[in-house]
Amino acid sequence: MSEVPRPVLGLDLAAVKSGYAVLHAGEILAVGTITAPPAAGEKRTAEDNMHRLDVVTHMVEVLLDRYRPGLAVLEDYAPGAKGSAAHRLAEISGAVRLACRRRAVPLALVGVRQVKQYATGSGTAAKSTMAVALYKRTGLELSEDEVDAWWIAAMGADHLGHPPAVLPAAQRAVLDRITWPETGQGVIL
């Protein structure tokens, strides 16, 4: 009999709309998006950026407190990202990483290509291809941001021995290339 792990939180952070998914023993506890758009018709200001950072961080803290995940999985920085959007994303990601640390939630970082490889078998798959793969494997129809977050959470759940979808071994092999933190839950094989 295998132990039932605590939930896994998957986060696909972005400068405007971030996706999240909380999976527990293969089931969805929560899935959605966190949005913090700029004021209507205005350019982003420093205050606007701080507001967005506060909104995203607060909502992630709410998810961490409500679901008390045993593992959070976060898409790591995109290697080619440049400009102000990359800076905003780095600020958001840093704040989220700190929120996980302050709550003693182990954090795993996964690359964009790793998520795509796990979901579809191709590290260069389009978001629409990931959505089709999710629908074919689970029957779920989610927004693009939610799809990414679901796959990210699924990677963590699969690592803990509770995959929410059956995937070919070649796709699951990407899990072996990720540095996973100690979760205190043990890896169930």
N, C-alpha and C. Protein backbone atom coordinates (compact mmCIF):
# COMPACT_ATOMS: atom_id res chain seq x y z
N MET A 1 0.86 -1.18 0.00
CA MET A 1 0.00 0.00 0.00
C MET A 1 0.89 1.23 0.00
N SER A 2 0.65 2.15 -0.93
CA SER A 2 1.51 3.32 -1.02
C SER A 2 0.91 4.48 -0.23
N GLU A 3 1.81 5.29 0.26
CA GLU A 3 1.43 6.46 1.03
C GLU A 3 0.81 7.49 0.09
N VAL A 4 -0.22 8.20 0.55
CA VAL A 4 -0.83 9.26 -0.24
C VAL A 4 -0.09 10.55 0.10
N PRO A 5 0.55 11.16 -0.89
CA PRO A 5 1.34 12.35 -0.62
C PRO A 5 0.46 13.57 -0.39
N ARG A 6 1.09 14.61 0.12
CA ARG A 6 0.42 15.91 0.19
C ARG A 6 0.27 16.42 -1.23
N PRO A 7 -0.56 17.42 -1.45
CA PRO A 7 -0.77 17.96 -2.80
C PRO A 7 0.51 18.51 -3.42
N VAL A 8 0.47 18.63 -4.74
CA VAL A 8 1.55 19.24 -5.52
C VAL A 8 0.98 20.50 -6.17
N LEU A 9 1.71 21.61 -6.02
CA LEU A 9 1.33 22.87 -6.64
C LEU A 9 2.21 23.10 -7.86
N GLY A 10 1.60 23.28 -9.01
CA GLY A 10 2.33 23.60 -10.24
C GLY A 10 2.05 25.04 -10.62
N LEU A 11 3.11 25.78 -10.95
CA LEU A 11 2.97 27.20 -11.28
C LEU A 11 3.64 27.52 -12.61
N ASP A 12 2.88 28.16 -13.49
CA ASP A 12 3.40 28.69 -14.75
C ASP A 12 3.29 30.21 -14.64
N LEU A 13 4.36 30.83 -14.18
CA LEU A 13 4.34 32.27 -13.93
C LEU A 13 4.56 33.05 -15.21
N ALA A 14 3.91 34.20 -15.29
CA ALA A 14 4.05 35.09 -16.43
C ALA A 14 3.90 36.52 -15.95
N ALA A 15 4.28 37.47 -16.80
CA ALA A 15 4.25 38.88 -16.43
C ALA A 15 2.83 39.41 -16.23
N VAL A 16 1.85 38.85 -16.95
CA VAL A 16 0.47 39.34 -16.83
C VAL A 16 -0.47 38.29 -16.25
N LYS A 17 -0.43 37.06 -16.78
CA LYS A 17 -1.35 36.02 -16.32
C LYS A 17 -0.57 34.76 -16.01
N SER A 18 -0.70 34.29 -14.77
CA SER A 18 0.00 33.09 -14.32
C SER A 18 -1.00 31.97 -14.10
N GLY A 19 -0.60 30.76 -14.50
CA GLY A 19 -1.46 29.60 -14.30
C GLY A 19 -1.03 28.84 -13.05
N TYR A 20 -2.00 28.20 -12.40
CA TYR A 20 -1.69 27.34 -11.27
C TYR A 20 -2.57 26.09 -11.32
N ALA A 21 -2.03 25.01 -10.78
CA ALA A 21 -2.79 23.77 -10.65
C ALA A 21 -2.34 23.08 -9.36
N VAL A 22 -3.30 22.56 -8.64
CA VAL A 22 -3.01 21.80 -7.43
C VAL A 22 -3.57 20.40 -7.65
N LEU A 23 -2.67 19.41 -7.62
CA LEU A 23 -3.05 18.01 -7.81
C LEU A 23 -2.79 17.24 -6.52
N HIS A 24 -3.69 16.29 -6.24
CA HIS A 24 -3.51 15.45 -5.06
C HIS A 24 -3.92 14.02 -5.42
N ALA A 25 -2.94 13.12 -5.34
CA ALA A 25 -3.18 11.71 -5.65
C ALA A 25 -3.86 11.56 -7.01
N GLY A 26 -3.43 12.36 -7.99
CA GLY A 26 -3.94 12.25 -9.35
C GLY A 26 -5.20 13.04 -9.62
N GLU A 27 -5.76 13.68 -8.62
CA GLU A 27 -6.99 14.45 -8.80
C GLU A 27 -6.70 15.95 -8.73
N ILE A 28 -7.51 16.74 -9.41
CA ILE A 28 -7.36 18.20 -9.38
C ILE A 28 -8.09 18.75 -8.16
N LEU A 29 -7.35 19.48 -7.32
CA LEU A 29 -7.98 20.21 -6.22
C LEU A 29 -8.32 21.63 -6.64
N ALA A 30 -7.46 22.21 -7.48
CA ALA A 30 -7.68 23.58 -7.95
C ALA A 30 -6.91 23.79 -9.24
N VAL A 31 -7.47 24.60 -10.11
CA VAL A 31 -6.78 25.02 -11.33
C VAL A 31 -7.33 26.39 -11.69
N GLY A 32 -6.46 27.28 -12.11
CA GLY A 32 -6.93 28.62 -12.46
C GLY A 32 -5.81 29.52 -12.89
N THR A 33 -6.14 30.80 -13.00
CA THR A 33 -5.14 31.80 -13.39
C THR A 33 -5.16 32.96 -12.39
N ILE A 34 -4.02 33.57 -12.27
CA ILE A 34 -3.87 34.78 -11.46
C ILE A 34 -3.56 35.90 -12.45
N THR A 35 -4.40 36.91 -12.49
CA THR A 35 -4.17 38.00 -13.44
C THR A 35 -3.94 39.31 -12.68
N ALA A 36 -3.07 40.10 -13.23
CA ALA A 36 -2.80 41.43 -12.69
C ALA A 36 -2.44 42.34 -13.87
N PRO A 37 -3.45 42.67 -14.68
CA PRO A 37 -3.18 43.50 -15.85
C PRO A 37 -2.89 44.95 -15.46
N PRO A 38 -2.27 45.71 -16.36
CA PRO A 38 -2.04 47.13 -16.07
C PRO A 38 -3.37 47.88 -16.07
N ALA A 39 -3.36 49.05 -15.50
CA ALA A 39 -4.56 49.89 -15.53
C ALA A 39 -4.97 50.09 -16.99
N ALA A 40 -6.27 50.14 -17.24
CA ALA A 40 -6.79 50.21 -18.60
C ALA A 40 -6.16 51.34 -19.41
N GLY A 41 -5.62 50.95 -20.57
CA GLY A 41 -5.10 51.93 -21.50
C GLY A 41 -3.83 52.64 -21.06
N GLU A 42 -3.23 52.21 -19.98
CA GLU A 42 -2.04 52.89 -19.49
C GLU A 42 -0.81 52.01 -19.64
N LYS A 43 0.34 52.67 -19.75
CA LYS A 43 1.61 51.96 -19.73
C LYS A 43 1.86 51.50 -18.30
N ARG A 44 2.60 50.43 -18.18
CA ARG A 44 2.97 49.97 -16.84
C ARG A 44 3.88 51.01 -16.17
N THR A 45 3.62 51.22 -14.90
CA THR A 45 4.44 52.11 -14.10
C THR A 45 5.13 51.29 -13.02
N ALA A 46 6.05 51.89 -12.29
CA ALA A 46 6.70 51.20 -11.19
C ALA A 46 5.67 50.76 -10.16
N GLU A 47 4.71 51.62 -9.88
CA GLU A 47 3.65 51.27 -8.91
C GLU A 47 2.81 50.11 -9.44
N ASP A 48 2.50 50.17 -10.72
CA ASP A 48 1.73 49.10 -11.34
C ASP A 48 2.48 47.76 -11.24
N ASN A 49 3.79 47.80 -11.50
CA ASN A 49 4.59 46.58 -11.39
C ASN A 49 4.61 46.04 -9.96
N MET A 50 4.70 46.93 -8.98
CA MET A 50 4.68 46.49 -7.58
C MET A 50 3.32 45.90 -7.22
N HIS A 51 2.26 46.50 -7.74
CA HIS A 51 0.92 45.97 -7.49
C HIS A 51 0.80 44.55 -8.05
N ARG A 52 1.26 44.36 -9.28
CA ARG A 52 1.20 43.04 -9.91
C ARG A 52 2.00 42.03 -9.10
N LEU A 53 3.20 42.41 -8.68
CA LEU A 53 4.04 41.53 -7.87
C LEU A 53 3.34 41.16 -6.58
N ASP A 54 2.69 42.13 -5.96
CA ASP A 54 1.96 41.90 -4.71
C ASP A 54 0.77 40.96 -4.94
N VAL A 55 0.01 41.19 -6.00
CA VAL A 55 -1.16 40.36 -6.29
C VAL A 55 -0.76 38.90 -6.52
N VAL A 56 0.24 38.68 -7.38
CA VAL A 56 0.65 37.31 -7.70
C VAL A 56 1.22 36.62 -6.45
N THR A 57 2.09 37.31 -5.74
CA THR A 57 2.68 36.71 -4.54
C THR A 57 1.61 36.39 -3.51
N HIS A 58 0.69 37.32 -3.29
CA HIS A 58 -0.40 37.07 -2.32
C HIS A 58 -1.24 35.86 -2.71
N MET A 59 -1.60 35.76 -3.97
CA MET A 59 -2.44 34.63 -4.41
C MET A 59 -1.69 33.30 -4.27
N VAL A 60 -0.38 33.29 -4.57
CA VAL A 60 0.40 32.07 -4.38
C VAL A 60 0.47 31.73 -2.90
N GLU A 61 0.64 32.73 -2.05
CA GLU A 61 0.64 32.48 -0.60
C GLU A 61 -0.69 31.89 -0.14
N VAL A 62 -1.79 32.39 -0.70
CA VAL A 62 -3.11 31.83 -0.38
C VAL A 62 -3.17 30.35 -0.78
N LEU A 63 -2.68 30.04 -1.98
CA LEU A 63 -2.68 28.64 -2.44
C LEU A 63 -1.81 27.78 -1.53
N LEU A 64 -0.64 28.29 -1.15
CA LEU A 64 0.26 27.53 -0.26
C LEU A 64 -0.40 27.29 1.09
N ASP A 65 -1.07 28.30 1.63
CA ASP A 65 -1.71 28.16 2.95
C ASP A 65 -2.96 27.28 2.88
N ARG A 66 -3.72 27.39 1.82
CA ARG A 66 -4.97 26.63 1.70
C ARG A 66 -4.71 25.14 1.45
N TYR A 67 -3.79 24.83 0.53
CA TYR A 67 -3.60 23.44 0.12
C TYR A 67 -2.39 22.77 0.77
N ARG A 68 -1.53 23.52 1.42
CA ARG A 68 -0.37 22.99 2.13
C ARG A 68 0.36 21.91 1.32
N PRO A 69 0.83 22.28 0.13
CA PRO A 69 1.47 21.28 -0.72
C PRO A 69 2.76 20.73 -0.12
N GLY A 70 3.01 19.48 -0.44
CA GLY A 70 4.26 18.85 -0.03
C GLY A 70 5.36 19.13 -1.03
N LEU A 71 5.00 19.67 -2.20
CA LEU A 71 5.96 20.00 -3.25
C LEU A 71 5.34 21.09 -4.14
N ALA A 72 6.15 22.09 -4.45
CA ALA A 72 5.77 23.09 -5.45
C ALA A 72 6.72 22.91 -6.63
N VAL A 73 6.18 22.98 -7.83
CA VAL A 73 6.99 22.85 -9.05
C VAL A 73 6.75 24.12 -9.85
N LEU A 74 7.85 24.75 -10.22
CA LEU A 74 7.80 26.05 -10.87
C LEU A 74 8.60 26.00 -12.16
N GLU A 75 8.01 26.56 -13.22
CA GLU A 75 8.77 26.65 -14.47
C GLU A 75 9.91 27.63 -14.25
N ASP A 76 11.13 27.19 -14.55
CA ASP A 76 12.32 28.00 -14.33
C ASP A 76 12.39 29.13 -15.36
N TYR A 77 13.32 30.03 -15.16
CA TYR A 77 13.51 31.15 -16.07
C TYR A 77 13.75 30.65 -17.49
N ALA A 78 13.14 31.31 -18.45
CA ALA A 78 13.35 30.96 -19.86
C ALA A 78 14.74 31.43 -20.26
N PRO A 79 15.55 30.56 -20.86
CA PRO A 79 16.93 30.91 -21.16
C PRO A 79 17.11 32.10 -22.10
N GLY A 80 16.21 32.31 -23.03
CA GLY A 80 16.38 33.39 -24.00
C GLY A 80 15.59 34.65 -23.69
N ALA A 81 14.93 34.70 -22.52
CA ALA A 81 14.09 35.85 -22.20
C ALA A 81 14.93 37.12 -22.04
N LYS A 82 14.40 38.22 -22.59
CA LYS A 82 15.11 39.50 -22.53
C LYS A 82 14.12 40.62 -22.30
N GLY A 83 14.64 41.76 -21.91
CA GLY A 83 13.82 42.96 -21.79
C GLY A 83 13.08 43.07 -20.48
N SER A 84 12.20 44.08 -20.44
CA SER A 84 11.50 44.38 -19.19
C SER A 84 10.55 43.27 -18.76
N ALA A 85 9.95 42.55 -19.71
CA ALA A 85 9.07 41.44 -19.32
C ALA A 85 9.85 40.36 -18.60
N ALA A 86 11.08 40.11 -19.04
CA ALA A 86 11.93 39.11 -18.37
C ALA A 86 12.26 39.57 -16.96
N HIS A 87 12.49 40.86 -16.78
CA HIS A 87 12.79 41.39 -15.45
C HIS A 87 11.58 41.26 -14.53
N ARG A 88 10.40 41.60 -15.05
CA ARG A 88 9.17 41.46 -14.24
C ARG A 88 8.94 40.01 -13.85
N LEU A 89 9.15 39.11 -14.79
CA LEU A 89 8.96 37.69 -14.50
C LEU A 89 9.97 37.21 -13.45
N ALA A 90 11.21 37.69 -13.54
CA ALA A 90 12.22 37.32 -12.55
C ALA A 90 11.82 37.81 -11.16
N GLU A 91 11.26 39.02 -11.08
CA GLU A 91 10.81 39.54 -9.79
C GLU A 91 9.69 38.68 -9.22
N ILE A 92 8.72 38.34 -10.06
CA ILE A 92 7.60 37.51 -9.61
C ILE A 92 8.11 36.15 -9.17
N SER A 93 8.95 35.54 -9.97
CA SER A 93 9.47 34.22 -9.66
C SER A 93 10.26 34.24 -8.35
N GLY A 94 11.07 35.26 -8.16
CA GLY A 94 11.84 35.36 -6.92
C GLY A 94 10.94 35.48 -5.70
N ALA A 95 9.88 36.27 -5.81
CA ALA A 95 8.95 36.43 -4.70
C ALA A 95 8.22 35.11 -4.40
N VAL A 96 7.86 34.38 -5.44
CA VAL A 96 7.17 33.10 -5.26
C VAL A 96 8.12 32.08 -4.63
N ARG A 97 9.35 32.06 -5.08
CA ARG A 97 10.34 31.14 -4.50
C ARG A 97 10.52 31.44 -3.01
N LEU A 98 10.56 32.72 -2.66
CA LEU A 98 10.70 33.11 -1.26
C LEU A 98 9.47 32.69 -0.46
N ALA A 99 8.29 32.85 -1.02
CA ALA A 99 7.06 32.43 -0.33
C ALA A 99 7.09 30.93 -0.03
N CYS A 100 7.57 30.14 -0.99
CA CYS A 100 7.69 28.69 -0.76
C CYS A 100 8.70 28.41 0.35
N ARG A 101 9.82 29.09 0.30
CA ARG A 101 10.86 28.89 1.31
C ARG A 101 10.35 29.23 2.70
N ARG A 102 9.64 30.35 2.82
CA ARG A 102 9.13 30.79 4.12
C ARG A 102 8.10 29.83 4.70
N ARG A 103 7.45 29.07 3.84
CA ARG A 103 6.47 28.09 4.30
C ARG A 103 7.04 26.67 4.32
N ALA A 104 8.33 26.56 4.09
CA ALA A 104 9.04 25.27 4.10
C ALA A 104 8.43 24.28 3.10
N VAL A 105 8.01 24.80 1.94
CA VAL A 105 7.48 23.95 0.88
C VAL A 105 8.63 23.66 -0.08
N PRO A 106 9.02 22.40 -0.22
CA PRO A 106 10.10 22.06 -1.15
C PRO A 106 9.74 22.53 -2.57
N LEU A 107 10.74 23.04 -3.28
CA LEU A 107 10.52 23.62 -4.60
C LEU A 107 11.40 22.96 -5.64
N ALA A 108 10.79 22.53 -6.72
CA ALA A 108 11.52 21.98 -7.87
C ALA A 108 11.36 22.95 -9.03
N LEU A 109 12.42 23.12 -9.79
CA LEU A 109 12.41 23.98 -10.97
C LEU A 109 12.50 23.11 -12.21
N VAL A 110 11.60 23.37 -13.17
CA VAL A 110 11.60 22.60 -14.41
C VAL A 110 11.74 23.56 -15.58
N GLY A 111 12.47 23.14 -16.60
CA GLY A 111 12.66 23.97 -17.78
C GLY A 111 11.46 23.93 -18.71
N VAL A 112 11.31 24.98 -19.49
CA VAL A 112 10.21 25.06 -20.45
C VAL A 112 10.21 23.85 -21.38
N ARG A 113 11.37 23.50 -21.91
CA ARG A 113 11.48 22.36 -22.82
C ARG A 113 11.16 21.04 -22.10
N GLN A 114 11.53 20.96 -20.83
CA GLN A 114 11.22 19.73 -20.07
C GLN A 114 9.71 19.54 -19.92
N VAL A 115 9.00 20.63 -19.68
CA VAL A 115 7.54 20.54 -19.55
C VAL A 115 6.93 20.09 -20.87
N LYS A 116 7.38 20.68 -21.96
CA LYS A 116 6.85 20.32 -23.29
C LYS A 116 7.18 18.87 -23.64
N GLN A 117 8.40 18.45 -23.32
CA GLN A 117 8.81 17.06 -23.58
C GLN A 117 7.94 16.08 -22.78
N TYR A 118 7.72 16.39 -21.52
CA TYR A 118 6.90 15.54 -20.66
C TYR A 118 5.46 15.45 -21.20
N ALA A 119 4.92 16.59 -21.61
CA ALA A 119 3.52 16.65 -22.05
C ALA A 119 3.29 16.01 -23.41
N THR A 120 4.24 16.21 -24.33
CA THR A 120 3.98 15.84 -25.73
C THR A 120 5.01 14.92 -26.37
N GLY A 121 6.18 14.83 -25.77
CA GLY A 121 7.27 14.08 -26.39
C GLY A 121 8.18 14.97 -27.21
N SER A 122 7.83 16.26 -27.37
CA SER A 122 8.66 17.19 -28.12
C SER A 122 8.97 18.42 -27.26
N GLY A 123 10.22 18.74 -27.11
CA GLY A 123 10.63 19.89 -26.33
C GLY A 123 10.34 21.22 -26.98
N THR A 124 9.83 21.19 -28.21
CA THR A 124 9.51 22.44 -28.93
C THR A 124 8.02 22.55 -29.23
N ALA A 125 7.20 21.76 -28.57
CA ALA A 125 5.75 21.73 -28.84
C ALA A 125 5.10 23.09 -28.58
N ALA A 126 4.11 23.40 -29.37
CA ALA A 126 3.31 24.62 -29.19
C ALA A 126 2.35 24.43 -28.02
N LYS A 127 1.90 25.55 -27.46
CA LYS A 127 0.94 25.48 -26.35
C LYS A 127 -0.32 24.72 -26.77
N SER A 128 -0.76 24.91 -28.00
CA SER A 128 -1.96 24.22 -28.47
C SER A 128 -1.75 22.71 -28.50
N THR A 129 -0.55 22.27 -28.82
CA THR A 129 -0.23 20.84 -28.83
C THR A 129 -0.28 20.28 -27.41
N MET A 130 0.17 21.07 -26.45
CA MET A 130 0.12 20.64 -25.05
C MET A 130 -1.33 20.52 -24.59
N ALA A 131 -2.17 21.45 -25.04
CA ALA A 131 -3.59 21.40 -24.67
C ALA A 131 -4.27 20.17 -25.28
N VAL A 132 -3.94 19.85 -26.52
CA VAL A 132 -4.50 18.66 -27.17
C VAL A 132 -4.04 17.40 -26.43
N ALA A 133 -2.76 17.36 -26.04
CA ALA A 133 -2.24 16.20 -25.31
C ALA A 133 -2.96 16.03 -23.99
N LEU A 134 -3.22 17.13 -23.30
CA LEU A 134 -3.95 17.06 -22.03
C LEU A 134 -5.36 16.53 -22.24
N TYR A 135 -6.03 17.04 -23.28
CA TYR A 135 -7.39 16.59 -23.56
C TYR A 135 -7.42 15.10 -23.90
N LYS A 136 -6.49 14.65 -24.73
CA LYS A 136 -6.45 13.24 -25.12
C LYS A 136 -6.18 12.32 -23.93
N ARG A 137 -5.34 12.76 -23.00
CA ARG A 137 -4.96 11.92 -21.87
C ARG A 137 -5.96 11.98 -20.72
N THR A 138 -6.67 13.12 -20.57
CA THR A 138 -7.51 13.29 -19.38
C THR A 138 -8.94 13.74 -19.67
N GLY A 139 -9.19 14.27 -20.86
CA GLY A 139 -10.50 14.83 -21.17
C GLY A 139 -10.67 16.25 -20.66
N LEU A 140 -9.61 16.84 -20.09
CA LEU A 140 -9.69 18.19 -19.55
C LEU A 140 -9.50 19.23 -20.64
N GLU A 141 -10.30 20.28 -20.59
CA GLU A 141 -10.14 21.44 -21.47
C GLU A 141 -9.87 22.65 -20.59
N LEU A 142 -8.65 23.16 -20.65
CA LEU A 142 -8.24 24.28 -19.80
C LEU A 142 -7.66 25.39 -20.66
N SER A 143 -7.50 26.58 -20.06
CA SER A 143 -6.85 27.69 -20.77
C SER A 143 -5.37 27.35 -20.94
N GLU A 144 -4.67 28.08 -21.83
CA GLU A 144 -3.25 27.82 -22.09
C GLU A 144 -2.42 27.86 -20.81
N ASP A 145 -2.66 28.87 -19.97
CA ASP A 145 -1.88 29.01 -18.74
C ASP A 145 -2.19 27.88 -17.76
N GLU A 146 -3.44 27.48 -17.70
CA GLU A 146 -3.83 26.37 -16.83
C GLU A 146 -3.26 25.04 -17.34
N VAL A 147 -3.23 24.87 -18.66
CA VAL A 147 -2.65 23.66 -19.25
C VAL A 147 -1.19 23.52 -18.83
N ASP A 148 -0.43 24.58 -18.99
CA ASP A 148 0.98 24.54 -18.60
C ASP A 148 1.13 24.21 -17.12
N ALA A 149 0.36 24.87 -16.28
CA ALA A 149 0.43 24.63 -14.84
C ALA A 149 0.05 23.19 -14.49
N TRP A 150 -0.98 22.65 -15.19
CA TRP A 150 -1.38 21.27 -14.92
C TRP A 150 -0.23 20.31 -15.24
N TRP A 151 0.41 20.50 -16.39
CA TRP A 151 1.52 19.63 -16.76
C TRP A 151 2.68 19.77 -15.78
N ILE A 152 2.93 20.99 -15.31
CA ILE A 152 4.01 21.21 -14.34
C ILE A 152 3.69 20.49 -13.03
N ALA A 153 2.46 20.61 -12.56
CA ALA A 153 2.06 19.89 -11.34
C ALA A 153 2.10 18.38 -11.56
N ALA A 154 1.70 17.95 -12.75
CA ALA A 154 1.70 16.51 -13.06
C ALA A 154 3.11 15.94 -12.98
N MET A 155 4.10 16.72 -13.39
CA MET A 155 5.48 16.26 -13.31
C MET A 155 5.85 15.97 -11.85
N GLY A 156 5.46 16.87 -10.95
CA GLY A 156 5.75 16.66 -9.53
C GLY A 156 5.00 15.48 -8.96
N ALA A 157 3.72 15.35 -9.32
CA ALA A 157 2.92 14.22 -8.83
C ALA A 157 3.49 12.91 -9.35
N ASP A 158 3.89 12.89 -10.61
CA ASP A 158 4.48 11.70 -11.21
C ASP A 158 5.78 11.34 -10.50
N HIS A 159 6.61 12.34 -10.23
CA HIS A 159 7.86 12.11 -9.50
C HIS A 159 7.59 11.45 -8.14
N LEU A 160 6.51 11.85 -7.49
CA LEU A 160 6.17 11.30 -6.18
C LEU A 160 5.45 9.95 -6.27
N GLY A 161 5.24 9.46 -7.49
CA GLY A 161 4.65 8.15 -7.66
C GLY A 161 3.16 8.13 -7.88
N HIS A 162 2.57 9.30 -8.15
CA HIS A 162 1.13 9.39 -8.38
C HIS A 162 0.85 10.15 -9.67
N PRO A 163 1.22 9.57 -10.81
CA PRO A 163 0.99 10.28 -12.08
C PRO A 163 -0.50 10.44 -12.36
N PRO A 164 -0.92 11.65 -12.73
CA PRO A 164 -2.34 11.87 -13.01
C PRO A 164 -2.75 11.44 -14.41
N ALA A 165 -1.77 11.03 -15.23
CA ALA A 165 -2.05 10.55 -16.59
C ALA A 165 -1.00 9.51 -16.94
N VAL A 166 -1.39 8.57 -17.77
CA VAL A 166 -0.45 7.54 -18.23
C VAL A 166 0.30 8.10 -19.44
N LEU A 167 1.63 8.11 -19.33
CA LEU A 167 2.47 8.64 -20.41
C LEU A 167 3.49 7.60 -20.82
N PRO A 168 3.96 7.67 -22.07
CA PRO A 168 5.02 6.75 -22.51
C PRO A 168 6.30 6.98 -21.70
N ALA A 169 7.08 5.91 -21.58
CA ALA A 169 8.33 5.97 -20.82
C ALA A 169 9.26 7.05 -21.36
N ALA A 170 9.28 7.26 -22.67
CA ALA A 170 10.17 8.27 -23.26
C ALA A 170 9.81 9.67 -22.76
N GLN A 171 8.54 9.95 -22.58
CA GLN A 171 8.13 11.26 -22.06
C GLN A 171 8.44 11.37 -20.57
N ARG A 172 8.21 10.30 -19.83
CA ARG A 172 8.47 10.31 -18.39
C ARG A 172 9.96 10.38 -18.07
N ALA A 173 10.80 10.00 -19.02
CA ALA A 173 12.25 9.99 -18.79
C ALA A 173 12.78 11.38 -18.46
N VAL A 174 12.07 12.43 -18.86
CA VAL A 174 12.52 13.79 -18.55
C VAL A 174 12.56 14.02 -17.04
N LEU A 175 11.76 13.31 -16.30
CA LEU A 175 11.75 13.46 -14.84
C LEU A 175 13.10 13.13 -14.22
N ASP A 176 13.84 12.23 -14.86
CA ASP A 176 15.16 11.84 -14.36
C ASP A 176 16.20 12.94 -14.54
N ARG A 177 15.90 13.93 -15.35
CA ARG A 177 16.85 15.02 -15.60
C ARG A 177 16.56 16.26 -14.76
N ILE A 178 15.65 16.14 -13.82
CA ILE A 178 15.26 17.26 -12.96
C ILE A 178 15.86 17.04 -11.58
N THR A 179 16.34 18.09 -10.97
CA THR A 179 16.83 18.02 -9.61
C THR A 179 15.63 18.20 -8.68
N TRP A 180 15.24 17.12 -8.03
CA TRP A 180 14.08 17.14 -7.14
C TRP A 180 14.53 17.36 -5.70
N PRO A 181 13.82 18.19 -4.95
CA PRO A 181 14.18 18.41 -3.55
C PRO A 181 13.68 17.26 -2.68
N GLU A 182 14.22 17.16 -1.49
CA GLU A 182 13.69 16.23 -0.50
C GLU A 182 12.31 16.73 -0.10
N THR A 183 11.34 15.84 -0.10
CA THR A 183 9.97 16.27 0.26
C THR A 183 9.51 15.69 1.58
N GLY A 184 10.25 14.71 2.09
CA GLY A 184 9.80 14.07 3.31
C GLY A 184 8.68 13.09 3.03
N GLN A 185 8.29 12.96 1.77
CA GLN A 185 7.21 12.04 1.41
C GLN A 185 7.77 10.75 0.83
N GLY A 186 9.02 10.77 0.46
CA GLY A 186 9.59 9.59 -0.17
C GLY A 186 9.11 9.47 -1.59
N VAL A 187 9.92 8.89 -2.42
CA VAL A 187 9.52 8.65 -3.80
C VAL A 187 8.98 7.22 -3.84
N ILE A 188 7.77 7.09 -4.29
CA ILE A 188 7.11 5.79 -4.33
C ILE A 188 7.25 5.25 -5.75
N LEU A 189 7.94 4.14 -5.87
CA LEU A 189 8.18 3.58 -7.21
C LEU A 189 7.26 2.43 -7.51
